[in-house]
């Protein structure tokens, strides 16, 4: 192998490496961003679905508690009865804890357009 062949091979290999770096790194970052966006969308969708289910359960528990409250007379004079005799309060509190742990965009519920 002569000196000119060596330098020709060196130059072509160096050029191929540089071109690979120039195009390869931005493409790798773009692919990574796309994958992250896809993961984020899926996570948001799962959180929205879970939030809707939890809110439905809260509504059911509140309705059940309201129906049971109508059976009590003079409940305004004994508010401790609500906490003592209604397991719905405990269920609603546990659902509230679950809702606060979710990473959900609550503004979309205010506008009526969940993500």
PDB file of N, CA and C in Angstrom:
ATOM      1  N   UNK A   1       0.849  -1.168   0.000  1.00  0.00           N
ATOM      2  CA  UNK A   1       0.000   0.000   0.000  1.00  0.00           C
ATOM      3  C   UNK A   1       0.900   1.238   0.000  1.00  0.00           C
ATOM      4  N   UNK A   2       0.639   2.081  -0.945  1.00  0.00           N
ATOM      5  CA  UNK A   2       1.472   3.267  -1.083  1.00  0.00           C
ATOM      6  C   UNK A   2       0.946   4.381  -0.204  1.00  0.00           C
ATOM      7  N   UNK A   3       1.733   5.402  -0.100  1.00  0.00           N
ATOM      8  CA  UNK A   3       1.391   6.536   0.745  1.00  0.00           C
ATOM      9  C   UNK A   3       0.151   7.258   0.232  1.00  0.00           C
ATOM     10  N   UNK A   4       0.026   7.389  -1.081  1.00  0.00           N
ATOM     11  CA  UNK A   4      -1.151   8.079  -1.643  1.00  0.00           C
ATOM     12  C   UNK A   4      -2.418   7.271  -1.405  1.00  0.00           C
ATOM     13  N   UNK A   5      -2.339   5.947  -1.494  1.00  0.00           N
ATOM     14  CA  UNK A   5      -3.514   5.118  -1.215  1.00  0.00           C
ATOM     15  C   UNK A   5      -3.930   5.255   0.248  1.00  0.00           C
ATOM     16  N   UNK A   6      -2.912   5.270   1.126  1.00  0.00           N
ATOM     17  CA  UNK A   6      -3.205   5.425   2.548  1.00  0.00           C
ATOM     18  C   UNK A   6      -3.954   6.729   2.808  1.00  0.00           C
ATOM     19  N   UNK A   7      -3.448   7.843   2.267  1.00  0.00           N
ATOM     20  CA  UNK A   7      -4.080   9.144   2.511  1.00  0.00           C
ATOM     21  C   UNK A   7      -5.451   9.220   1.854  1.00  0.00           C
ATOM     22  N   UNK A   8      -5.621   8.572   0.717  1.00  0.00           N
ATOM     23  CA  UNK A   8      -6.930   8.549   0.063  1.00  0.00           C
ATOM     24  C   UNK A   8      -7.931   7.770   0.915  1.00  0.00           C
ATOM     25  N   UNK A   9      -7.516   6.618   1.433  1.00  0.00           N
ATOM     26  CA  UNK A   9      -8.385   5.837   2.318  1.00  0.00           C
ATOM     27  C   UNK A   9      -8.660   6.584   3.620  1.00  0.00           C
ATOM     28  N   UNK A  10      -7.627   7.221   4.177  1.00  0.00           N
ATOM     29  CA  UNK A  10      -7.793   7.995   5.413  1.00  0.00           C
ATOM     30  C   UNK A  10      -8.787   9.141   5.209  1.00  0.00           C
ATOM     31  N   UNK A  11      -8.650   9.847   4.111  1.00  0.00           N
ATOM     32  CA  UNK A  11      -9.539  10.984   3.835  1.00  0.00           C
ATOM     33  C   UNK A  11     -10.979  10.522   3.634  1.00  0.00           C
ATOM     34  N   UNK A  12     -11.155   9.442   2.901  1.00  0.00           N
ATOM     35  CA  UNK A  12     -12.529   8.981   2.662  1.00  0.00           C
ATOM     36  C   UNK A  12     -13.166   8.445   3.943  1.00  0.00           C
ATOM     37  N   UNK A  13     -12.408   7.737   4.755  1.00  0.00           N
ATOM     38  CA  UNK A  13     -12.932   7.238   6.030  1.00  0.00           C
ATOM     39  C   UNK A  13     -13.229   8.384   6.993  1.00  0.00           C
ATOM     40  N   UNK A  14     -12.357   9.382   7.020  1.00  0.00           N
ATOM     41  CA  UNK A  14     -12.584  10.549   7.885  1.00  0.00           C
ATOM     42  C   UNK A  14     -13.819  11.309   7.435  1.00  0.00           C
ATOM     43  N   UNK A  15     -13.960  11.492   6.133  1.00  0.00           N
ATOM     44  CA  UNK A  15     -15.129  12.193   5.603  1.00  0.00           C
ATOM     45  C   UNK A  15     -16.413  11.423   5.927  1.00  0.00           C
ATOM     46  N   UNK A  16     -16.374  10.120   5.790  1.00  0.00           N
ATOM     47  CA  UNK A  16     -17.550   9.303   6.107  1.00  0.00           C
ATOM     48  C   UNK A  16     -17.901   9.415   7.585  1.00  0.00           C
ATOM     49  N   UNK A  17     -16.893   9.438   8.437  1.00  0.00           N
ATOM     50  CA  UNK A  17     -17.135   9.573   9.876  1.00  0.00           C
ATOM     51  C   UNK A  17     -17.728  10.934  10.205  1.00  0.00           C
ATOM     52  N   UNK A  18     -17.180  11.974   9.630  1.00  0.00           N
ATOM     53  CA  UNK A  18     -17.680  13.328   9.894  1.00  0.00           C
ATOM     54  C   UNK A  18     -19.102  13.485   9.381  1.00  0.00           C
ATOM     55  N   UNK A  19     -19.372  13.013   8.182  1.00  0.00           N
ATOM     56  CA  UNK A  19     -20.741  13.089   7.636  1.00  0.00           C
ATOM     57  C   UNK A  19     -21.693  12.274   8.509  1.00  0.00           C
ATOM     58  N   UNK A  20     -21.253  11.122   8.970  1.00  0.00           N
ATOM     59  CA  UNK A  20     -22.085  10.304   9.857  1.00  0.00           C
ATOM     60  C   UNK A  20     -22.408  11.020  11.151  1.00  0.00           C
ATOM     61  N   UNK A  21     -21.429  11.716  11.718  1.00  0.00           N
ATOM     62  CA  UNK A  21     -21.663  12.480  12.945  1.00  0.00           C
ATOM     63  C   UNK A  21     -22.584  13.667  12.700  1.00  0.00           C
ATOM     64  N   UNK A  22     -22.358  14.372  11.616  1.00  0.00           N
ATOM     65  CA  UNK A  22     -23.168  15.568  11.324  1.00  0.00           C
ATOM     66  C   UNK A  22     -24.638  15.202  11.141  1.00  0.00           C
ATOM     67  N   UNK A  23     -24.907  14.116  10.460  1.00  0.00           N
ATOM     68  CA  UNK A  23     -26.295  13.728  10.232  1.00  0.00           C
ATOM     69  C   UNK A  23     -26.831  12.778  11.305  1.00  0.00           C
ATOM     70  N   UNK A  24     -25.972  11.943  11.851  1.00  0.00           N
ATOM     71  CA  UNK A  24     -26.426  10.920  12.794  1.00  0.00           C
ATOM     72  C   UNK A  24     -26.864  11.461  14.140  1.00  0.00           C
ATOM     73  N   UNK A  25     -26.126  12.413  14.692  1.00  0.00           N
ATOM     74  CA  UNK A  25     -26.459  12.939  16.013  1.00  0.00           C
ATOM     75  C   UNK A  25     -27.796  13.681  16.004  1.00  0.00           C
ATOM     76  N   UNK A  26     -28.033  14.607  15.071  1.00  0.00           N
ATOM     77  CA  UNK A  26     -29.350  15.268  15.063  1.00  0.00           C
ATOM     78  C   UNK A  26     -30.509  14.289  14.826  1.00  0.00           C
ATOM     79  N   UNK A  27     -30.295  13.309  13.979  1.00  0.00           N
ATOM     80  CA  UNK A  27     -31.353  12.322  13.741  1.00  0.00           C
ATOM     81  C   UNK A  27     -31.622  11.518  15.012  1.00  0.00           C
ATOM     82  N   UNK A  28     -30.575  11.160  15.740  1.00  0.00           N
ATOM     83  CA  UNK A  28     -30.762  10.418  16.995  1.00  0.00           C
ATOM     84  C   UNK A  28     -31.526  11.255  18.015  1.00  0.00           C
ATOM     85  N   UNK A  29     -31.191  12.562  18.119  1.00  0.00           N
ATOM     86  CA  UNK A  29     -31.936  13.436  19.030  1.00  0.00           C
ATOM     87  C   UNK A  29     -33.386  13.578  18.603  1.00  0.00           C
ATOM     88  N   UNK A  30     -33.632  13.683  17.306  1.00  0.00           N
ATOM     89  CA  UNK A  30     -35.009  13.803  16.804  1.00  0.00           C
ATOM     90  C   UNK A  30     -35.813  12.536  17.137  1.00  0.00           C
ATOM     91  N   UNK A  31     -35.214  11.384  16.922  1.00  0.00           N
ATOM     92  CA  UNK A  31     -35.896  10.117  17.227  1.00  0.00           C
ATOM     93  C   UNK A  31     -36.201  10.036  18.719  1.00  0.00           C
ATOM     94  N   UNK A  32     -35.259  10.427  19.554  1.00  0.00           N
ATOM     95  CA  UNK A  32     -35.469  10.397  21.005  1.00  0.00           C
ATOM     96  C   UNK A  32     -36.607  11.323  21.420  1.00  0.00           C
ATOM     97  N   UNK A  33     -36.666  12.521  20.819  1.00  0.00           N
ATOM     98  CA  UNK A  33     -37.768  13.450  21.121  1.00  0.00           C
ATOM     99  C   UNK A  33     -39.121  12.861  20.721  1.00  0.00           C
ATOM    100  N   UNK A  34     -39.151  12.210  19.566  1.00  0.00           N
ATOM    101  CA  UNK A  34     -40.403  11.600  19.120  1.00  0.00           C
ATOM    102  C   UNK A  34     -40.851  10.496  20.078  1.00  0.00           C
ATOM    103  N   UNK A  35     -39.909   9.700  20.537  1.00  0.00           N
ATOM    104  CA  UNK A  35     -40.234   8.625  21.480  1.00  0.00           C
ATOM    105  C   UNK A  35     -40.728   9.212  22.803  1.00  0.00           C
ATOM    106  N   UNK A  36     -40.062  10.268  23.292  1.00  0.00           N
ATOM    107  CA  UNK A  36     -40.503  10.920  24.534  1.00  0.00           C
ATOM    108  C   UNK A  36     -41.898  11.513  24.387  1.00  0.00           C
ATOM    109  N   UNK A  37     -42.163  12.156  23.251  1.00  0.00           N
ATOM    110  CA  UNK A  37     -43.492  12.724  23.019  1.00  0.00           C
ATOM    111  C   UNK A  37     -44.563  11.642  23.004  1.00  0.00           C
ATOM    112  N   UNK A  38     -44.258  10.527  22.381  1.00  0.00           N
ATOM    113  CA  UNK A  38     -45.205   9.416  22.340  1.00  0.00           C
ATOM    114  C   UNK A  38     -45.469   8.875  23.741  1.00  0.00           C
ATOM    115  N   UNK A  39     -44.410   8.715  24.539  1.00  0.00           N
ATOM    116  CA  UNK A  39     -44.577   8.247  25.922  1.00  0.00           C
ATOM    117  C   UNK A  39     -45.400   9.236  26.739  1.00  0.00           C
ATOM    118  N   UNK A  40     -45.113  10.530  26.582  1.00  0.00           N
ATOM    119  CA  UNK A  40     -45.853  11.551  27.331  1.00  0.00           C
ATOM    120  C   UNK A  40     -47.329  11.561  26.957  1.00  0.00           C
ATOM    121  N   UNK A  41     -47.620  11.437  25.672  1.00  0.00           N
ATOM    122  CA  UNK A  41     -49.024  11.401  25.248  1.00  0.00           C
ATOM    123  C   UNK A  41     -49.751  10.192  25.833  1.00  0.00           C
ATOM    124  N   UNK A  42     -49.080   9.052  25.832  1.00  0.00           N
ATOM    125  CA  UNK A  42     -49.693   7.831  26.372  1.00  0.00           C
ATOM    126  C   UNK A  42     -49.923   7.968  27.878  1.00  0.00           C
ATOM    127  N   UNK A  43     -48.943   8.535  28.582  1.00  0.00           N
ATOM    128  CA  UNK A  43     -49.093   8.736  30.026  1.00  0.00           C
ATOM    129  C   UNK A  43     -50.237   9.694  30.323  1.00  0.00           C
ATOM    130  N   UNK A  44     -50.333  10.783  29.564  1.00  0.00           N
ATOM    131  CA  UNK A  44     -51.427  11.735  29.764  1.00  0.00           C
ATOM    132  C   UNK A  44     -52.769  11.082  29.495  1.00  0.00           C
ATOM    133  N   UNK A  45     -52.839  10.271  28.445  1.00  0.00           N
ATOM    134  CA  UNK A  45     -54.099   9.597  28.130  1.00  0.00           C
ATOM    135  C   UNK A  45     -54.503   8.645  29.259  1.00  0.00           C
ATOM    136  N   UNK A  46     -53.531   7.905  29.792  1.00  0.00           N
ATOM    137  CA  UNK A  46     -53.827   7.001  30.901  1.00  0.00           C
ATOM    138  C   UNK A  46     -54.274   7.776  32.132  1.00  0.00           C
ATOM    139  N   UNK A  47     -53.633   8.912  32.414  1.00  0.00           N
ATOM    140  CA  UNK A  47     -54.024   9.735  33.561  1.00  0.00           C
ATOM    141  C   UNK A  47     -55.419  10.314  33.383  1.00  0.00           C
ATOM    142  N   UNK A  48     -55.748  10.740  32.168  1.00  0.00           N
ATOM    143  CA  UNK A  48     -57.085  11.276  31.914  1.00  0.00           C
ATOM    144  C   UNK A  48     -58.130  10.178  32.100  1.00  0.00           C
ATOM    145  N   UNK A  49     -57.857   8.990  31.573  1.00  0.00           N
ATOM    146  CA  UNK A  49     -58.803   7.880  31.745  1.00  0.00           C
ATOM    147  C   UNK A  49     -58.987   7.542  33.227  1.00  0.00           C
ATOM    148  N   UNK A  50     -57.882   7.478  33.959  1.00  0.00           N
ATOM    149  CA  UNK A  50     -57.966   7.159  35.384  1.00  0.00           C
ATOM    150  C   UNK A  50     -58.705   8.259  36.139  1.00  0.00           C
ATOM    151  N   UNK A  51     -58.462   9.509  35.771  1.00  0.00           N
ATOM    152  CA  UNK A  51     -59.140  10.633  36.416  1.00  0.00           C
ATOM    153  C   UNK A  51     -60.644  10.569  36.181  1.00  0.00           C
ATOM    154  N   UNK A  52     -61.039  10.281  34.956  1.00  0.00           N
ATOM    155  CA  UNK A  52     -62.468  10.187  34.663  1.00  0.00           C
ATOM    156  C   UNK A  52     -63.126   9.071  35.458  1.00  0.00           C
ATOM    157  N   UNK A  53     -62.448   7.938  35.587  1.00  0.00           N
ATOM    158  CA  UNK A  53     -62.997   6.835  36.378  1.00  0.00           C
ATOM    159  C   UNK A  53     -63.113   7.217  37.852  1.00  0.00           C
ATOM    160  N   UNK A  54     -62.066   7.878  38.374  1.00  0.00           N
ATOM    161  CA  UNK A  54     -62.105   8.295  39.775  1.00  0.00           C
ATOM    162  C   UNK A  54     -63.202   9.326  40.021  1.00  0.00           C
ATOM    163  N   UNK A  55     -63.347  10.272  39.109  1.00  0.00           N
ATOM    164  CA  UNK A  55     -64.394  11.283  39.271  1.00  0.00           C
ATOM    165  C   UNK A  55     -65.787  10.658  39.209  1.00  0.00           C
ATOM    166  N   UNK A  56     -65.950   9.653  38.377  1.00  0.00           N
ATOM    167  CA  UNK A  56     -67.229   8.938  38.325  1.00  0.00           C
ATOM    168  C   UNK A  56     -67.493   8.240  39.655  1.00  0.00           C
ATOM    169  N   UNK A  57     -66.466   7.623  40.227  1.00  0.00           N
ATOM    170  CA  UNK A  57     -66.633   6.958  41.525  1.00  0.00           C
ATOM    171  C   UNK A  57     -66.956   7.966  42.623  1.00  0.00           C
ATOM    172  N   UNK A  58     -66.309   9.141  42.572  1.00  0.00           N
ATOM    173  CA  UNK A  58     -66.607  10.188  43.553  1.00  0.00           C
ATOM    174  C   UNK A  58     -68.065  10.616  43.431  1.00  0.00           C
ATOM    175  N   UNK A  59     -68.531  10.816  42.209  1.00  0.00           N
ATOM    176  CA  UNK A  59     -69.918  11.220  41.997  1.00  0.00           C
ATOM    177  C   UNK A  59     -70.891  10.182  42.548  1.00  0.00           C
ATOM    178  N   UNK A  60     -70.595   8.910  42.345  1.00  0.00           N
ATOM    179  CA  UNK A  60     -71.453   7.844  42.866  1.00  0.00           C
ATOM    180  C   UNK A  60     -71.478   7.877  44.389  1.00  0.00           C
ATOM    181  N   UNK A  61     -70.300   8.040  45.009  1.00  0.00           N
ATOM    182  CA  UNK A  61     -70.243   8.072  46.465  1.00  0.00           C
ATOM    183  C   UNK A  61     -70.972   9.294  47.029  1.00  0.00           C
ATOM    184  N   UNK A  62     -70.824  10.429  46.381  1.00  0.00           N
ATOM    185  CA  UNK A  62     -71.526  11.629  46.838  1.00  0.00           C
ATOM    186  C   UNK A  62     -73.038  11.447  46.710  1.00  0.00           C
ATOM    187  N   UNK A  63     -73.478  10.855  45.608  1.00  0.00           N
ATOM    188  CA  UNK A  63     -74.904  10.601  45.415  1.00  0.00           C
ATOM    189  C   UNK A  63     -75.424   9.642  46.476  1.00  0.00           C
ATOM    190  N   UNK A  64     -74.674   8.584  46.748  1.00  0.00           N
ATOM    191  CA  UNK A  64     -75.090   7.635  47.794  1.00  0.00           C
ATOM    192  C   UNK A  64     -75.179   8.321  49.153  1.00  0.00           C
ATOM    193  N   UNK A  65     -74.188   9.148  49.474  1.00  0.00           N
ATOM    194  CA  UNK A  65     -74.218   9.857  50.757  1.00  0.00           C
ATOM    195  C   UNK A  65     -75.402  10.812  50.822  1.00  0.00           C
ATOM    196  N   UNK A  66     -75.689  11.476  49.716  1.00  0.00           N
ATOM    197  CA  UNK A  66     -76.817  12.411  49.694  1.00  0.00           C
ATOM    198  C   UNK A  66     -78.142  11.678  49.912  1.00  0.00           C
ATOM    199  N   UNK A  67     -78.280  10.523  49.293  1.00  0.00           N
ATOM    200  CA  UNK A  67     -79.504   9.741  49.479  1.00  0.00           C
ATOM    201  C   UNK A  67     -79.646   9.281  50.932  1.00  0.00           C
ATOM    202  N   UNK A  68     -78.528   8.889  51.534  1.00  0.00           N
ATOM    203  CA  UNK A  68     -78.595   8.460  52.930  1.00  0.00           C
ATOM    204  C   UNK A  68     -78.855   9.643  53.856  1.00  0.00           C
ATOM    205  N   UNK A  69     -78.338  10.811  53.515  1.00  0.00           N
ATOM    206  CA  UNK A  69     -78.555  11.994  54.348  1.00  0.00           C
ATOM    207  C   UNK A  69     -80.024  12.389  54.390  1.00  0.00           C
ATOM    208  N   UNK A  70     -80.722  12.175  53.288  1.00  0.00           N
ATOM    209  CA  UNK A  70     -82.140  12.559  53.234  1.00  0.00           C
ATOM    210  C   UNK A  70     -82.971  11.762  54.241  1.00  0.00           C
ATOM    211  N   UNK A  71     -82.460  10.595  54.634  1.00  0.00           N
ATOM    212  CA  UNK A  71     -83.190   9.763  55.586  1.00  0.00           C
ATOM    213  C   UNK A  71     -83.042  10.268  57.024  1.00  0.00           C
ATOM    214  N   UNK A  72     -82.005  11.048  57.283  1.00  0.00           N
ATOM    215  CA  UNK A  72     -81.777  11.569  58.624  1.00  0.00           C
ATOM    216  C   UNK A  72     -82.574  12.859  58.835  1.00  0.00           C
ATOM    217  N   UNK A  73     -83.082  13.011  60.040  1.00  0.00           N
ATOM    218  CA  UNK A  73     -83.766  14.248  60.412  1.00  0.00           C
ATOM    219  C   UNK A  73     -82.851  15.034  61.341  1.00  0.00           C
ATOM    220  N   UNK A  74     -82.908  16.322  61.268  1.00  0.00           N
ATOM    221  CA  UNK A  74     -82.112  17.218  62.101  1.00  0.00           C
ATOM    222  C   UNK A  74     -80.614  16.950  61.958  1.00  0.00           C
ATOM    223  N   UNK A  75     -80.169  16.659  60.750  1.00  0.00           N
ATOM    224  CA  UNK A  75     -78.749  16.371  60.540  1.00  0.00           C
ATOM    225  C   UNK A  75     -77.903  17.629  60.731  1.00  0.00           C
ATOM    226  N   UNK A  76     -78.505  18.818  60.536  1.00  0.00           N
ATOM    227  CA  UNK A  76     -77.760  20.060  60.711  1.00  0.00           C
ATOM    228  C   UNK A  76     -77.299  20.231  62.153  1.00  0.00           C
ATOM    229  N   UNK A  77     -78.052  19.664  63.097  1.00  0.00           N
ATOM    230  CA  UNK A  77     -77.692  19.799  64.498  1.00  0.00           C
ATOM    231  C   UNK A  77     -76.600  18.819  64.913  1.00  0.00           C
ATOM    232  N   UNK A  78     -76.361  17.783  64.124  1.00  0.00           N
ATOM    233  CA  UNK A  78     -75.385  16.748  64.479  1.00  0.00           C
ATOM    234  C   UNK A  78     -74.477  16.443  63.271  1.00  0.00           C
ATOM    235  N   UNK A  79     -73.615  17.378  62.914  1.00  0.00           N
ATOM    236  CA  UNK A  79     -72.773  17.126  61.727  1.00  0.00           C
ATOM    237  C   UNK A  79     -71.771  15.994  61.927  1.00  0.00           C
ATOM    238  N   UNK A  80     -71.440  15.651  63.159  1.00  0.00           N
ATOM    239  CA  UNK A  80     -70.507  14.548  63.392  1.00  0.00           C
ATOM    240  C   UNK A  80     -71.073  13.227  62.890  1.00  0.00           C
ATOM    241  N   UNK A  81     -72.407  13.131  62.739  1.00  0.00           N
ATOM    242  CA  UNK A  81     -73.012  11.901  62.225  1.00  0.00           C
ATOM    243  C   UNK A  81     -72.524  11.585  60.813  1.00  0.00           C
ATOM    244  N   UNK A  82     -72.244  12.638  60.066  1.00  0.00           N
ATOM    245  CA  UNK A  82     -71.782  12.416  58.694  1.00  0.00           C
ATOM    246  C   UNK A  82     -70.493  11.609  58.713  1.00  0.00           C
ATOM    247  N   UNK A  83     -69.555  11.977  59.573  1.00  0.00           N
ATOM    248  CA  UNK A  83     -68.274  11.273  59.624  1.00  0.00           C
ATOM    249  C   UNK A  83     -68.392   9.942  60.357  1.00  0.00           C
ATOM    250  N   UNK A  84     -69.302   9.839  61.283  1.00  0.00           N
ATOM    251  CA  UNK A  84     -69.414   8.624  62.080  1.00  0.00           C
ATOM    252  C   UNK A  84     -70.159   7.509  61.351  1.00  0.00           C
ATOM    253  N   UNK A  85     -71.177   7.842  60.568  1.00  0.00           N
ATOM    254  CA  UNK A  85     -72.052   6.818  60.012  1.00  0.00           C
ATOM    255  C   UNK A  85     -71.982   6.654  58.502  1.00  0.00           C
ATOM    256  N   UNK A  86     -71.179   7.442  57.855  1.00  0.00           N
ATOM    257  CA  UNK A  86     -71.139   7.354  56.400  1.00  0.00           C
ATOM    258  C   UNK A  86     -69.776   6.886  55.924  1.00  0.00           C
ATOM    259  N   UNK A  87     -69.709   5.639  55.427  1.00  0.00           N
ATOM    260  CA  UNK A  87     -68.453   5.153  54.876  1.00  0.00           C
ATOM    261  C   UNK A  87     -68.126   5.844  53.568  1.00  0.00           C
ATOM    262  N   UNK A  88     -69.107   6.501  52.961  1.00  0.00           N
ATOM    263  CA  UNK A  88     -68.859   7.231  51.719  1.00  0.00           C
ATOM    264  C   UNK A  88     -67.827   8.339  51.922  1.00  0.00           C
ATOM    265  N   UNK A  89     -67.819   8.946  53.109  1.00  0.00           N
ATOM    266  CA  UNK A  89     -66.860  10.013  53.386  1.00  0.00           C
ATOM    267  C   UNK A  89     -65.443   9.463  53.319  1.00  0.00           C
ATOM    268  N   UNK A  90     -65.233   8.299  53.898  1.00  0.00           N
ATOM    269  CA  UNK A  90     -63.910   7.685  53.866  1.00  0.00           C
ATOM    270  C   UNK A  90     -63.510   7.316  52.440  1.00  0.00           C
ATOM    271  N   UNK A  91     -64.458   6.792  51.675  1.00  0.00           N
ATOM    272  CA  UNK A  91     -64.170   6.429  50.282  1.00  0.00           C
ATOM    273  C   UNK A  91     -63.838   7.670  49.468  1.00  0.00           C
ATOM    274  N   UNK A  92     -64.594   8.737  49.677  1.00  0.00           N
ATOM    275  CA  UNK A  92     -64.342   9.979  48.942  1.00  0.00           C
ATOM    276  C   UNK A  92     -62.967  10.537  49.303  1.00  0.00           C
ATOM    277  N   UNK A  93     -62.590  10.469  50.555  1.00  0.00           N
ATOM    278  CA  UNK A  93     -61.263  10.941  50.956  1.00  0.00           C
ATOM    279  C   UNK A  93     -60.157  10.120  50.295  1.00  0.00           C
ATOM    280  N   UNK A  94     -60.333   8.809  50.192  1.00  0.00           N
ATOM    281  CA  UNK A  94     -59.311   7.986  49.541  1.00  0.00           C
ATOM    282  C   UNK A  94     -59.246   8.289  48.045  1.00  0.00           C
ATOM    283  N   UNK A  95     -60.413   8.518  47.436  1.00  0.00           N
ATOM    284  CA  UNK A  95     -60.424   8.886  46.020  1.00  0.00           C
ATOM    285  C   UNK A  95     -59.773  10.252  45.811  1.00  0.00           C
ATOM    286  N   UNK A  96     -59.983  11.149  46.754  1.00  0.00           N
ATOM    287  CA  UNK A  96     -59.349  12.470  46.678  1.00  0.00           C
ATOM    288  C   UNK A  96     -57.827  12.338  46.718  1.00  0.00           C
ATOM    289  N   UNK A  97     -57.326  11.461  47.581  1.00  0.00           N
ATOM    290  CA  UNK A  97     -55.875  11.247  47.641  1.00  0.00           C
ATOM    291  C   UNK A  97     -55.348  10.714  46.309  1.00  0.00           C
ATOM    292  N   UNK A  98     -56.081   9.786  45.702  1.00  0.00           N
ATOM    293  CA  UNK A  98     -55.654   9.248  44.413  1.00  0.00           C
ATOM    294  C   UNK A  98     -55.644  10.326  43.343  1.00  0.00           C
ATOM    295  N   UNK A  99     -56.676  11.173  43.353  1.00  0.00           N
ATOM    296  CA  UNK A  99     -56.753  12.238  42.351  1.00  0.00           C
ATOM    297  C   UNK A  99     -55.615  13.242  42.505  1.00  0.00           C
ATOM    298  N   UNK A 100     -55.237  13.545  43.728  1.00  0.00           N
ATOM    299  CA  UNK A 100     -54.168  14.523  43.921  1.00  0.00           C
ATOM    300  C   UNK A 100     -52.814  13.976  43.515  1.00  0.00           C
ATOM    301  N   UNK A 101     -52.657  12.656  43.488  1.00  0.00           N
ATOM    302  CA  UNK A 101     -51.386  12.072  43.079  1.00  0.00           C
ATOM    303  C   UNK A 101     -51.222  11.992  41.570  1.00  0.00           C
ATOM    304  N   UNK A 102     -52.325  12.111  40.835  1.00  0.00           N
ATOM    305  CA  UNK A 102     -52.251  12.027  39.384  1.00  0.00           C
ATOM    306  C   UNK A 102     -51.636  13.287  38.799  1.00  0.00           C
ATOM    307  N   UNK A 103     -50.851  13.106  37.755  1.00  0.00           N
ATOM    308  CA  UNK A 103     -50.303  14.248  37.034  1.00  0.00           C
ATOM    309  C   UNK A 103     -51.225  14.535  35.858  1.00  0.00           C
ATOM    310  N   UNK A 104     -52.251  15.317  36.129  1.00  0.00           N
ATOM    311  CA  UNK A 104     -53.257  15.595  35.114  1.00  0.00           C
ATOM    312  C   UNK A 104     -53.371  17.091  34.922  1.00  0.00           C
ATOM    313  N   UNK A 105     -53.630  17.490  33.685  1.00  0.00           N
ATOM    314  CA  UNK A 105     -53.869  18.895  33.384  1.00  0.00           C
ATOM    315  C   UNK A 105     -55.321  19.191  33.733  1.00  0.00           C
ATOM    316  N   UNK A 106     -55.538  19.757  34.924  1.00  0.00           N
ATOM    317  CA  UNK A 106     -56.899  19.985  35.411  1.00  0.00           C
ATOM    318  C   UNK A 106     -57.588  21.105  34.644  1.00  0.00           C
ATOM    319  N   UNK A 107     -56.826  21.933  33.941  1.00  0.00           N
ATOM    320  CA  UNK A 107     -57.433  23.006  33.161  1.00  0.00           C
ATOM    321  C   UNK A 107     -58.295  22.481  32.030  1.00  0.00           C
ATOM    322  N   UNK A 108     -57.957  21.316  31.502  1.00  0.00           N
ATOM    323  CA  UNK A 108     -58.744  20.762  30.400  1.00  0.00           C
ATOM    324  C   UNK A 108     -60.132  20.359  30.873  1.00  0.00           C
ATOM    325  N   UNK A 109     -60.281  20.053  32.167  1.00  0.00           N
ATOM    326  CA  UNK A 109     -61.603  19.720  32.685  1.00  0.00           C
ATOM    327  C   UNK A 109     -62.442  20.977  32.863  1.00  0.00           C
ATOM    328  N   UNK A 110     -61.781  22.099  33.124  1.00  0.00           N
ATOM    329  CA  UNK A 110     -62.512  23.349  33.273  1.00  0.00           C
ATOM    330  C   UNK A 110     -63.086  23.805  31.943  1.00  0.00           C
ATOM    331  N   UNK A 111     -62.352  23.526  30.855  1.00  0.00           N
ATOM    332  CA  UNK A 111     -62.827  23.917  29.525  1.00  0.00           C
ATOM    333  C   UNK A 111     -63.735  22.855  28.924  1.00  0.00           C
ATOM    334  N   UNK A 112     -63.745  21.669  29.521  1.00  0.00           N
ATOM    335  CA  UNK A 112     -64.615  20.602  29.008  1.00  0.00           C
ATOM    336  C   UNK A 112     -64.011  19.818  27.879  1.00  0.00           C
ATOM    337  N   UNK A 113     -62.709  19.972  27.639  1.00  0.00           N
ATOM    338  CA  UNK A 113     -62.062  19.244  26.543  1.00  0.00           C
ATOM    339  C   UNK A 113     -60.872  18.452  27.087  1.00  0.00           C
ATOM    340  N   UNK A 114     -61.115  17.248  27.647  1.00  0.00           N
ATOM    341  CA  UNK A 114     -59.987  16.448  28.116  1.00  0.00           C
ATOM    342  C   UNK A 114     -59.075  16.065  26.977  1.00  0.00           C
ATOM    343  N   UNK A 115     -57.800  15.927  27.299  1.00  0.00           N
ATOM    344  CA  UNK A 115     -56.785  15.617  26.287  1.00  0.00           C
ATOM    345  C   UNK A 115     -56.980  14.208  25.765  1.00  0.00           C
TER     346      UNK A 115
END
